[in-house]
């Protein structure tokens, strides 16, 4: 019996013939059924036991212009991730200098509430940085939480700075994000055609990127400007401290008499 040779469409289960109870009762041998019926029965049982998987993929690119100051933008992008934030979430927990746990904004999927919790790593690169997803856990509705061991997710967000405009007063910061999710279709969703589930899931991911990426890039630009402001403030404090030390040294008695001797010798 070669089940692999039978083509199966999960959306057409109701069209498969199945022996009735009366047919089994009136049969001389109730355990006997035709080879064709037995094949169809096996296919039907196999289909319900092996859950199908849905795949969602979304990609989006977004850019923002950042004013160029004394220190080039690319130098800020090369700083360790601990010195500036490149993540957009309701709440961020720092695991180490380059690893973060992010609680992403809640959204609806088929009227179920979903709140992804991401573990990501930020890797510094010559022309920017790269945010990579290490793991993902789902919070929200009970049916959503039950899927935590039944899906795989990957995400890469490449953030780059346009190094070809180094002499310009304005530089461009670009984010190129791609998300891919593969999930075992829950039993409650299996009557829905797989294509419809994948289409809806992809639209949800695209909507998330369409809403979050522009806001993320705007926040990124503001955080870089804030980092620059903090650096300028730190430099002003260092200059002020150096001036204060110089002023105190100039009134030191030893320095006073040294200045007197220096003036006397010059005379």
C-alpha atoms as a PDB file:
ATOM      1  CA  UNK A   1       0.000   0.000   0.000  1.00  0.00           C
ATOM      2  CA  UNK A   2       1.845   3.094  -1.239  1.00  0.00           C
ATOM      3  CA  UNK A   3       0.303   6.105   0.495  1.00  0.00           C
ATOM      4  CA  UNK A   4       2.942   8.352  -0.995  1.00  0.00           C
ATOM      5  CA  UNK A   5       1.376   7.873  -4.403  1.00  0.00           C
ATOM      6  CA  UNK A   6      -1.950   9.368  -3.277  1.00  0.00           C
ATOM      7  CA  UNK A   7      -2.217  13.104  -3.762  1.00  0.00           C
ATOM      8  CA  UNK A   8      -4.021  14.800  -0.867  1.00  0.00           C
ATOM      9  CA  UNK A   9      -5.660  18.198  -0.577  1.00  0.00           C
ATOM     10  CA  UNK A  10      -6.599  19.091   3.046  1.00  0.00           C
ATOM     11  CA  UNK A  11      -9.362  21.452   1.848  1.00  0.00           C
ATOM     12  CA  UNK A  12     -11.294  18.590   0.163  1.00  0.00           C
ATOM     13  CA  UNK A  13     -11.633  16.156   3.039  1.00  0.00           C
ATOM     14  CA  UNK A  14     -15.440  16.082   2.804  1.00  0.00           C
ATOM     15  CA  UNK A  15     -15.341  14.786  -0.764  1.00  0.00           C
ATOM     16  CA  UNK A  16     -13.568  11.555   0.185  1.00  0.00           C
ATOM     17  CA  UNK A  17     -15.903   8.478   0.244  1.00  0.00           C
ATOM     18  CA  UNK A  18     -16.039   6.744   3.590  1.00  0.00           C
ATOM     19  CA  UNK A  19     -17.864   3.440   4.389  1.00  0.00           C
ATOM     20  CA  UNK A  20     -21.032   3.973   6.453  1.00  0.00           C
ATOM     21  CA  UNK A  21     -21.899   2.109   9.652  1.00  0.00           C
ATOM     22  CA  UNK A  22     -24.718   0.230   7.858  1.00  0.00           C
ATOM     23  CA  UNK A  23     -22.315  -0.937   5.193  1.00  0.00           C
ATOM     24  CA  UNK A  24     -20.007  -2.321   7.851  1.00  0.00           C
ATOM     25  CA  UNK A  25     -22.911  -4.027   9.704  1.00  0.00           C
ATOM     26  CA  UNK A  26     -24.352  -5.721   6.604  1.00  0.00           C
ATOM     27  CA  UNK A  27     -20.988  -6.855   5.311  1.00  0.00           C
ATOM     28  CA  UNK A  28     -20.213 -10.563   5.701  1.00  0.00           C
ATOM     29  CA  UNK A  29     -16.866  -9.600   7.167  1.00  0.00           C
ATOM     30  CA  UNK A  30     -17.129  -6.253   8.995  1.00  0.00           C
ATOM     31  CA  UNK A  31     -13.343  -5.942   9.090  1.00  0.00           C
ATOM     32  CA  UNK A  32     -13.127  -6.214   5.332  1.00  0.00           C
ATOM     33  CA  UNK A  33     -13.313  -3.250   3.012  1.00  0.00           C
ATOM     34  CA  UNK A  34     -12.137  -2.662  -0.513  1.00  0.00           C
ATOM     35  CA  UNK A  35      -8.515  -1.708  -1.168  1.00  0.00           C
ATOM     36  CA  UNK A  36      -9.559   1.704  -2.523  1.00  0.00           C
ATOM     37  CA  UNK A  37     -11.674   2.497   0.551  1.00  0.00           C
ATOM     38  CA  UNK A  38      -8.878   1.371   2.862  1.00  0.00           C
ATOM     39  CA  UNK A  39      -6.388   3.620   1.060  1.00  0.00           C
ATOM     40  CA  UNK A  40      -8.696   6.610   1.385  1.00  0.00           C
ATOM     41  CA  UNK A  41      -9.259   5.875   5.069  1.00  0.00           C
ATOM     42  CA  UNK A  42      -5.516   5.758   5.694  1.00  0.00           C
ATOM     43  CA  UNK A  43      -4.976   8.999   3.794  1.00  0.00           C
ATOM     44  CA  UNK A  44      -7.712  10.689   5.802  1.00  0.00           C
ATOM     45  CA  UNK A  45      -6.250   9.542   9.139  1.00  0.00           C
ATOM     46  CA  UNK A  46      -2.733  10.494   8.074  1.00  0.00           C
ATOM     47  CA  UNK A  47      -3.875  13.960   7.036  1.00  0.00           C
ATOM     48  CA  UNK A  48      -5.418  14.762  10.396  1.00  0.00           C
ATOM     49  CA  UNK A  49      -2.408  13.430  12.307  1.00  0.00           C
ATOM     50  CA  UNK A  50       0.226  15.369  10.346  1.00  0.00           C
ATOM     51  CA  UNK A  51      -0.428  19.078  10.880  1.00  0.00           C
ATOM     52  CA  UNK A  52       0.320  21.380   7.975  1.00  0.00           C
ATOM     53  CA  UNK A  53       2.599  24.383   8.407  1.00  0.00           C
ATOM     54  CA  UNK A  54       1.973  27.965   7.361  1.00  0.00           C
ATOM     55  CA  UNK A  55       4.779  30.305   6.323  1.00  0.00           C
ATOM     56  CA  UNK A  56       4.677  34.104   6.595  1.00  0.00           C
ATOM     57  CA  UNK A  57       7.362  36.371   5.101  1.00  0.00           C
ATOM     58  CA  UNK A  58       7.511  40.178   5.070  1.00  0.00           C
ATOM     59  CA  UNK A  59      10.234  42.649   4.114  1.00  0.00           C
ATOM     60  CA  UNK A  60      10.472  46.436   4.208  1.00  0.00           C
ATOM     61  CA  UNK A  61      13.123  49.116   3.805  1.00  0.00           C
ATOM     62  CA  UNK A  62      12.959  52.560   5.413  1.00  0.00           C
ATOM     63  CA  UNK A  63      15.359  55.538   5.409  1.00  0.00           C
ATOM     64  CA  UNK A  64      15.755  58.707   7.459  1.00  0.00           C
ATOM     65  CA  UNK A  65      18.018  61.738   7.023  1.00  0.00           C
ATOM     66  CA  UNK A  66      20.257  62.703   9.945  1.00  0.00           C
ATOM     67  CA  UNK A  67      22.086  66.014  10.199  1.00  0.00           C
ATOM     68  CA  UNK A  68      25.852  65.675  10.049  1.00  0.00           C
ATOM     69  CA  UNK A  69      27.802  67.303  12.886  1.00  0.00           C
ATOM     70  CA  UNK A  70      31.504  67.380  13.766  1.00  0.00           C
ATOM     71  CA  UNK A  71      31.677  63.675  14.480  1.00  0.00           C
ATOM     72  CA  UNK A  72      30.622  61.584  11.441  1.00  0.00           C
ATOM     73  CA  UNK A  73      27.442  59.556  11.782  1.00  0.00           C
ATOM     74  CA  UNK A  74      29.259  56.340  10.884  1.00  0.00           C
ATOM     75  CA  UNK A  75      31.381  56.694  14.044  1.00  0.00           C
ATOM     76  CA  UNK A  76      28.237  56.612  16.174  1.00  0.00           C
ATOM     77  CA  UNK A  77      27.025  53.535  14.323  1.00  0.00           C
ATOM     78  CA  UNK A  78      30.293  51.786  15.173  1.00  0.00           C
ATOM     79  CA  UNK A  79      29.868  52.356  18.903  1.00  0.00           C
ATOM     80  CA  UNK A  80      28.968  49.337  21.085  1.00  0.00           C
ATOM     81  CA  UNK A  81      25.227  48.734  21.277  1.00  0.00           C
ATOM     82  CA  UNK A  82      25.324  49.462  25.017  1.00  0.00           C
ATOM     83  CA  UNK A  83      26.015  53.133  24.249  1.00  0.00           C
ATOM     84  CA  UNK A  84      22.853  53.770  22.236  1.00  0.00           C
ATOM     85  CA  UNK A  85      19.527  52.042  21.647  1.00  0.00           C
ATOM     86  CA  UNK A  86      18.597  50.611  18.233  1.00  0.00           C
ATOM     87  CA  UNK A  87      15.499  48.721  19.382  1.00  0.00           C
ATOM     88  CA  UNK A  88      11.819  49.644  19.329  1.00  0.00           C
ATOM     89  CA  UNK A  89       9.624  47.919  21.911  1.00  0.00           C
ATOM     90  CA  UNK A  90       7.330  48.582  24.860  1.00  0.00           C
ATOM     91  CA  UNK A  91      10.021  47.396  27.235  1.00  0.00           C
ATOM     92  CA  UNK A  92      13.661  46.390  26.796  1.00  0.00           C
ATOM     93  CA  UNK A  93      15.752  44.322  29.213  1.00  0.00           C
ATOM     94  CA  UNK A  94      19.516  44.266  28.771  1.00  0.00           C
ATOM     95  CA  UNK A  95      21.013  40.763  29.000  1.00  0.00           C
ATOM     96  CA  UNK A  96      24.580  41.850  28.221  1.00  0.00           C
ATOM     97  CA  UNK A  97      26.286  44.575  26.174  1.00  0.00           C
ATOM     98  CA  UNK A  98      24.940  43.223  22.878  1.00  0.00           C
ATOM     99  CA  UNK A  99      21.936  41.044  23.820  1.00  0.00           C
ATOM    100  CA  UNK A 100      18.470  42.350  24.708  1.00  0.00           C
ATOM    101  CA  UNK A 101      15.014  41.013  25.535  1.00  0.00           C
ATOM    102  CA  UNK A 102      12.292  43.070  23.843  1.00  0.00           C
ATOM    103  CA  UNK A 103       8.558  43.068  24.590  1.00  0.00           C
ATOM    104  CA  UNK A 104       7.035  44.038  21.243  1.00  0.00           C
ATOM    105  CA  UNK A 105       3.738  45.885  20.862  1.00  0.00           C
ATOM    106  CA  UNK A 106       0.568  43.758  20.959  1.00  0.00           C
ATOM    107  CA  UNK A 107      -1.423  43.055  17.824  1.00  0.00           C
ATOM    108  CA  UNK A 108      -4.444  40.994  16.710  1.00  0.00           C
ATOM    109  CA  UNK A 109      -4.338  37.843  14.573  1.00  0.00           C
ATOM    110  CA  UNK A 110      -7.749  36.286  13.764  1.00  0.00           C
ATOM    111  CA  UNK A 111      -9.143  38.140  16.831  1.00  0.00           C
ATOM    112  CA  UNK A 112      -6.491  36.609  19.110  1.00  0.00           C
ATOM    113  CA  UNK A 113      -4.118  38.900  21.003  1.00  0.00           C
ATOM    114  CA  UNK A 114      -0.414  38.316  20.320  1.00  0.00           C
ATOM    115  CA  UNK A 115       2.550  39.864  22.144  1.00  0.00           C
ATOM    116  CA  UNK A 116       5.950  38.596  20.916  1.00  0.00           C
ATOM    117  CA  UNK A 117       8.882  38.566  23.337  1.00  0.00           C
ATOM    118  CA  UNK A 118      12.117  38.687  21.358  1.00  0.00           C
ATOM    119  CA  UNK A 119      15.671  37.854  22.348  1.00  0.00           C
ATOM    120  CA  UNK A 120      17.927  39.735  19.942  1.00  0.00           C
ATOM    121  CA  UNK A 121      21.613  40.418  19.448  1.00  0.00           C
ATOM    122  CA  UNK A 122      23.017  43.654  18.030  1.00  0.00           C
ATOM    123  CA  UNK A 123      26.204  43.144  16.010  1.00  0.00           C
ATOM    124  CA  UNK A 124      28.429  46.092  15.107  1.00  0.00           C
ATOM    125  CA  UNK A 125      29.483  46.255  11.458  1.00  0.00           C
ATOM    126  CA  UNK A 126      31.808  48.550   9.456  1.00  0.00           C
ATOM    127  CA  UNK A 127      28.938  50.562   7.949  1.00  0.00           C
ATOM    128  CA  UNK A 128      26.331  50.235  10.716  1.00  0.00           C
ATOM    129  CA  UNK A 129      24.889  47.383  12.749  1.00  0.00           C
ATOM    130  CA  UNK A 130      22.734  44.282  12.366  1.00  0.00           C
ATOM    131  CA  UNK A 131      19.908  43.194  14.692  1.00  0.00           C
ATOM    132  CA  UNK A 132      19.382  39.418  14.653  1.00  0.00           C
ATOM    133  CA  UNK A 133      16.632  37.416  16.323  1.00  0.00           C
ATOM    134  CA  UNK A 134      17.938  34.662  18.615  1.00  0.00           C
ATOM    135  CA  UNK A 135      14.595  33.379  19.903  1.00  0.00           C
ATOM    136  CA  UNK A 136      10.935  34.363  20.095  1.00  0.00           C
ATOM    137  CA  UNK A 137       8.249  33.570  22.672  1.00  0.00           C
ATOM    138  CA  UNK A 138       4.554  34.379  22.265  1.00  0.00           C
ATOM    139  CA  UNK A 139       2.423  35.899  25.019  1.00  0.00           C
ATOM    140  CA  UNK A 140      -1.251  36.835  24.817  1.00  0.00           C
ATOM    141  CA  UNK A 141      -4.354  34.682  24.378  1.00  0.00           C
ATOM    142  CA  UNK A 142      -4.162  31.068  25.703  1.00  0.00           C
ATOM    143  CA  UNK A 143      -4.396  29.589  22.189  1.00  0.00           C
ATOM    144  CA  UNK A 144      -1.454  31.818  21.182  1.00  0.00           C
ATOM    145  CA  UNK A 145       0.698  30.796  24.164  1.00  0.00           C
ATOM    146  CA  UNK A 146       0.020  27.131  23.304  1.00  0.00           C
ATOM    147  CA  UNK A 147       1.844  27.597  19.982  1.00  0.00           C
ATOM    148  CA  UNK A 148       5.232  28.409  21.540  1.00  0.00           C
ATOM    149  CA  UNK A 149       6.692  24.978  20.745  1.00  0.00           C
ATOM    150  CA  UNK A 150       5.081  24.804  17.299  1.00  0.00           C
ATOM    151  CA  UNK A 151       6.668  27.642  15.358  1.00  0.00           C
ATOM    152  CA  UNK A 152      10.023  28.963  14.163  1.00  0.00           C
ATOM    153  CA  UNK A 153      10.846  32.614  13.534  1.00  0.00           C
ATOM    154  CA  UNK A 154      13.785  34.507  12.077  1.00  0.00           C
ATOM    155  CA  UNK A 155      14.391  38.235  11.761  1.00  0.00           C
ATOM    156  CA  UNK A 156      17.280  40.327  10.463  1.00  0.00           C
ATOM    157  CA  UNK A 157      17.322  44.129  10.503  1.00  0.00           C
ATOM    158  CA  UNK A 158      20.317  45.576   8.675  1.00  0.00           C
ATOM    159  CA  UNK A 159      20.958  49.226   9.627  1.00  0.00           C
ATOM    160  CA  UNK A 160      23.450  51.032   7.407  1.00  0.00           C
ATOM    161  CA  UNK A 161      24.817  54.537   6.966  1.00  0.00           C
ATOM    162  CA  UNK A 162      25.454  56.013   3.520  1.00  0.00           C
ATOM    163  CA  UNK A 163      29.233  56.478   3.579  1.00  0.00           C
ATOM    164  CA  UNK A 164      29.229  57.991   0.067  1.00  0.00           C
ATOM    165  CA  UNK A 165      27.852  61.268   1.450  1.00  0.00           C
ATOM    166  CA  UNK A 166      30.591  61.887   4.033  1.00  0.00           C
ATOM    167  CA  UNK A 167      31.102  65.475   2.865  1.00  0.00           C
ATOM    168  CA  UNK A 168      27.409  66.346   3.013  1.00  0.00           C
ATOM    169  CA  UNK A 169      25.650  68.134   5.888  1.00  0.00           C
ATOM    170  CA  UNK A 170      22.944  65.443   5.840  1.00  0.00           C
ATOM    171  CA  UNK A 171      23.497  61.685   5.862  1.00  0.00           C
ATOM    172  CA  UNK A 172      21.026  58.891   5.220  1.00  0.00           C
ATOM    173  CA  UNK A 173      20.345  56.076   7.668  1.00  0.00           C
ATOM    174  CA  UNK A 174      18.649  52.974   6.182  1.00  0.00           C
ATOM    175  CA  UNK A 175      16.914  50.014   7.831  1.00  0.00           C
ATOM    176  CA  UNK A 176      16.290  46.846   5.782  1.00  0.00           C
ATOM    177  CA  UNK A 177      14.199  44.361   7.790  1.00  0.00           C
ATOM    178  CA  UNK A 178      12.961  40.882   6.875  1.00  0.00           C
ATOM    179  CA  UNK A 179      10.798  38.628   9.071  1.00  0.00           C
ATOM    180  CA  UNK A 180       9.956  34.980   8.419  1.00  0.00           C
ATOM    181  CA  UNK A 181       7.629  32.804  10.526  1.00  0.00           C
ATOM    182  CA  UNK A 182       6.836  29.108  10.059  1.00  0.00           C
ATOM    183  CA  UNK A 183       4.044  27.808  12.300  1.00  0.00           C
ATOM    184  CA  UNK A 184       2.149  24.556  12.701  1.00  0.00           C
ATOM    185  CA  UNK A 185      -1.492  25.353  11.964  1.00  0.00           C
ATOM    186  CA  UNK A 186      -3.538  24.955  15.190  1.00  0.00           C
ATOM    187  CA  UNK A 187      -6.338  22.392  15.080  1.00  0.00           C
ATOM    188  CA  UNK A 188      -9.005  25.103  15.390  1.00  0.00           C
ATOM    189  CA  UNK A 189      -7.682  26.791  12.218  1.00  0.00           C
ATOM    190  CA  UNK A 190      -7.393  23.691  10.007  1.00  0.00           C
ATOM    191  CA  UNK A 191     -10.823  24.100   8.371  1.00  0.00           C
ATOM    192  CA  UNK A 192      -9.497  27.412   6.974  1.00  0.00           C
ATOM    193  CA  UNK A 193      -7.612  27.046   3.660  1.00  0.00           C
ATOM    194  CA  UNK A 194      -3.846  27.181   4.161  1.00  0.00           C
ATOM    195  CA  UNK A 195      -3.483  29.880   1.512  1.00  0.00           C
ATOM    196  CA  UNK A 196      -5.869  32.162   3.414  1.00  0.00           C
ATOM    197  CA  UNK A 197      -3.942  31.649   6.670  1.00  0.00           C
ATOM    198  CA  UNK A 198      -0.615  32.420   4.977  1.00  0.00           C
ATOM    199  CA  UNK A 199      -2.053  35.475   3.231  1.00  0.00           C
ATOM    200  CA  UNK A 200      -3.467  36.845   6.490  1.00  0.00           C
ATOM    201  CA  UNK A 201      -0.254  36.141   8.415  1.00  0.00           C
ATOM    202  CA  UNK A 202       1.872  37.842   5.771  1.00  0.00           C
ATOM    203  CA  UNK A 203      -0.433  40.882   5.800  1.00  0.00           C
ATOM    204  CA  UNK A 204      -0.100  41.097   9.596  1.00  0.00           C
ATOM    205  CA  UNK A 205       3.716  41.022   9.370  1.00  0.00           C
ATOM    206  CA  UNK A 206       3.691  43.629   6.593  1.00  0.00           C
ATOM    207  CA  UNK A 207       1.414  45.857   8.657  1.00  0.00           C
ATOM    208  CA  UNK A 208       3.753  45.520  11.654  1.00  0.00           C
ATOM    209  CA  UNK A 209       6.748  46.572   9.555  1.00  0.00           C
ATOM    210  CA  UNK A 210       4.772  49.366   7.883  1.00  0.00           C
ATOM    211  CA  UNK A 211       3.866  50.844  11.283  1.00  0.00           C
ATOM    212  CA  UNK A 212       7.000  50.113  13.295  1.00  0.00           C
ATOM    213  CA  UNK A 213       9.845  50.744  10.854  1.00  0.00           C
ATOM    214  CA  UNK A 214       9.194  54.484  10.223  1.00  0.00           C
ATOM    215  CA  UNK A 215       8.765  55.062  13.963  1.00  0.00           C
ATOM    216  CA  UNK A 216      11.875  52.999  14.661  1.00  0.00           C
ATOM    217  CA  UNK A 217      13.950  55.059  12.221  1.00  0.00           C
ATOM    218  CA  UNK A 218      12.638  58.351  13.638  1.00  0.00           C
ATOM    219  CA  UNK A 219      13.559  57.185  17.145  1.00  0.00           C
ATOM    220  CA  UNK A 220      16.941  56.066  15.864  1.00  0.00           C
ATOM    221  CA  UNK A 221      17.651  59.542  14.488  1.00  0.00           C
ATOM    222  CA  UNK A 222      16.578  61.209  17.743  1.00  0.00           C
ATOM    223  CA  UNK A 223      18.690  58.850  19.846  1.00  0.00           C
ATOM    224  CA  UNK A 224      21.768  59.566  17.770  1.00  0.00           C
ATOM    225  CA  UNK A 225      21.163  63.303  18.196  1.00  0.00           C
ATOM    226  CA  UNK A 226      20.749  62.776  21.958  1.00  0.00           C
ATOM    227  CA  UNK A 227      23.991  60.779  22.040  1.00  0.00           C
ATOM    228  CA  UNK A 228      25.736  63.656  20.300  1.00  0.00           C
ATOM    229  CA  UNK A 229      24.254  66.150  22.767  1.00  0.00           C
ATOM    230  CA  UNK A 230      25.449  64.044  25.711  1.00  0.00           C
ATOM    231  CA  UNK A 231      28.918  63.869  24.202  1.00  0.00           C
ATOM    232  CA  UNK A 232      29.054  67.668  23.755  1.00  0.00           C
ATOM    233  CA  UNK A 233      27.874  68.134  27.343  1.00  0.00           C
ATOM    234  CA  UNK A 234      30.552  65.736  28.564  1.00  0.00           C
ATOM    235  CA  UNK A 235      33.221  67.636  26.618  1.00  0.00           C
ATOM    236  CA  UNK A 236      32.042  70.971  28.073  1.00  0.00           C
ATOM    237  CA  UNK A 237      32.253  69.517  31.593  1.00  0.00           C
ATOM    238  CA  UNK A 238      35.788  68.272  30.917  1.00  0.00           C
ATOM    239  CA  UNK A 239      36.848  71.711  29.623  1.00  0.00           C
ATOM    240  CA  UNK A 240      35.236  73.418  32.619  1.00  0.00           C
ATOM    241  CA  UNK A 241      36.965  71.021  35.042  1.00  0.00           C
ATOM    242  CA  UNK A 242      40.323  71.620  33.356  1.00  0.00           C
ATOM    243  CA  UNK A 243      39.793  75.385  33.595  1.00  0.00           C
ATOM    244  CA  UNK A 244      38.912  75.112  37.274  1.00  0.00           C
ATOM    245  CA  UNK A 245      42.071  73.099  37.971  1.00  0.00           C
ATOM    246  CA  UNK A 246      44.133  75.677  36.097  1.00  0.00           C
ATOM    247  CA  UNK A 247      42.537  78.531  38.053  1.00  0.00           C
ATOM    248  CA  UNK A 248      43.212  76.813  41.377  1.00  0.00           C
ATOM    249  CA  UNK A 249      46.822  76.090  40.450  1.00  0.00           C
ATOM    250  CA  UNK A 250      47.413  79.721  39.488  1.00  0.00           C
ATOM    251  CA  UNK A 251      46.513  80.848  43.056  1.00  0.00           C
ATOM    252  CA  UNK A 252      48.662  78.197  44.758  1.00  0.00           C
ATOM    253  CA  UNK A 253      51.360  79.900  46.980  1.00  0.00           C
ATOM    254  CA  UNK A 254      54.119  77.861  45.381  1.00  0.00           C
ATOM    255  CA  UNK A 255      53.011  78.955  41.938  1.00  0.00           C
ATOM    256  CA  UNK A 256      52.748  82.557  43.150  1.00  0.00           C
ATOM    257  CA  UNK A 257      56.389  82.697  44.355  1.00  0.00           C
ATOM    258  CA  UNK A 258      57.570  80.876  41.237  1.00  0.00           C
ATOM    259  CA  UNK A 259      55.902  83.568  39.157  1.00  0.00           C
ATOM    260  CA  UNK A 260      57.538  86.267  41.298  1.00  0.00           C
ATOM    261  CA  UNK A 261      61.007  84.719  40.824  1.00  0.00           C
ATOM    262  CA  UNK A 262      60.360  84.338  37.104  1.00  0.00           C
ATOM    263  CA  UNK A 263      59.432  88.017  36.838  1.00  0.00           C
ATOM    264  CA  UNK A 264      62.473  89.066  38.955  1.00  0.00           C
ATOM    265  CA  UNK A 265      64.871  87.084  36.818  1.00  0.00           C
ATOM    266  CA  UNK A 266      63.434  88.570  33.682  1.00  0.00           C
ATOM    267  CA  UNK A 267      64.116  92.024  35.070  1.00  0.00           C
END
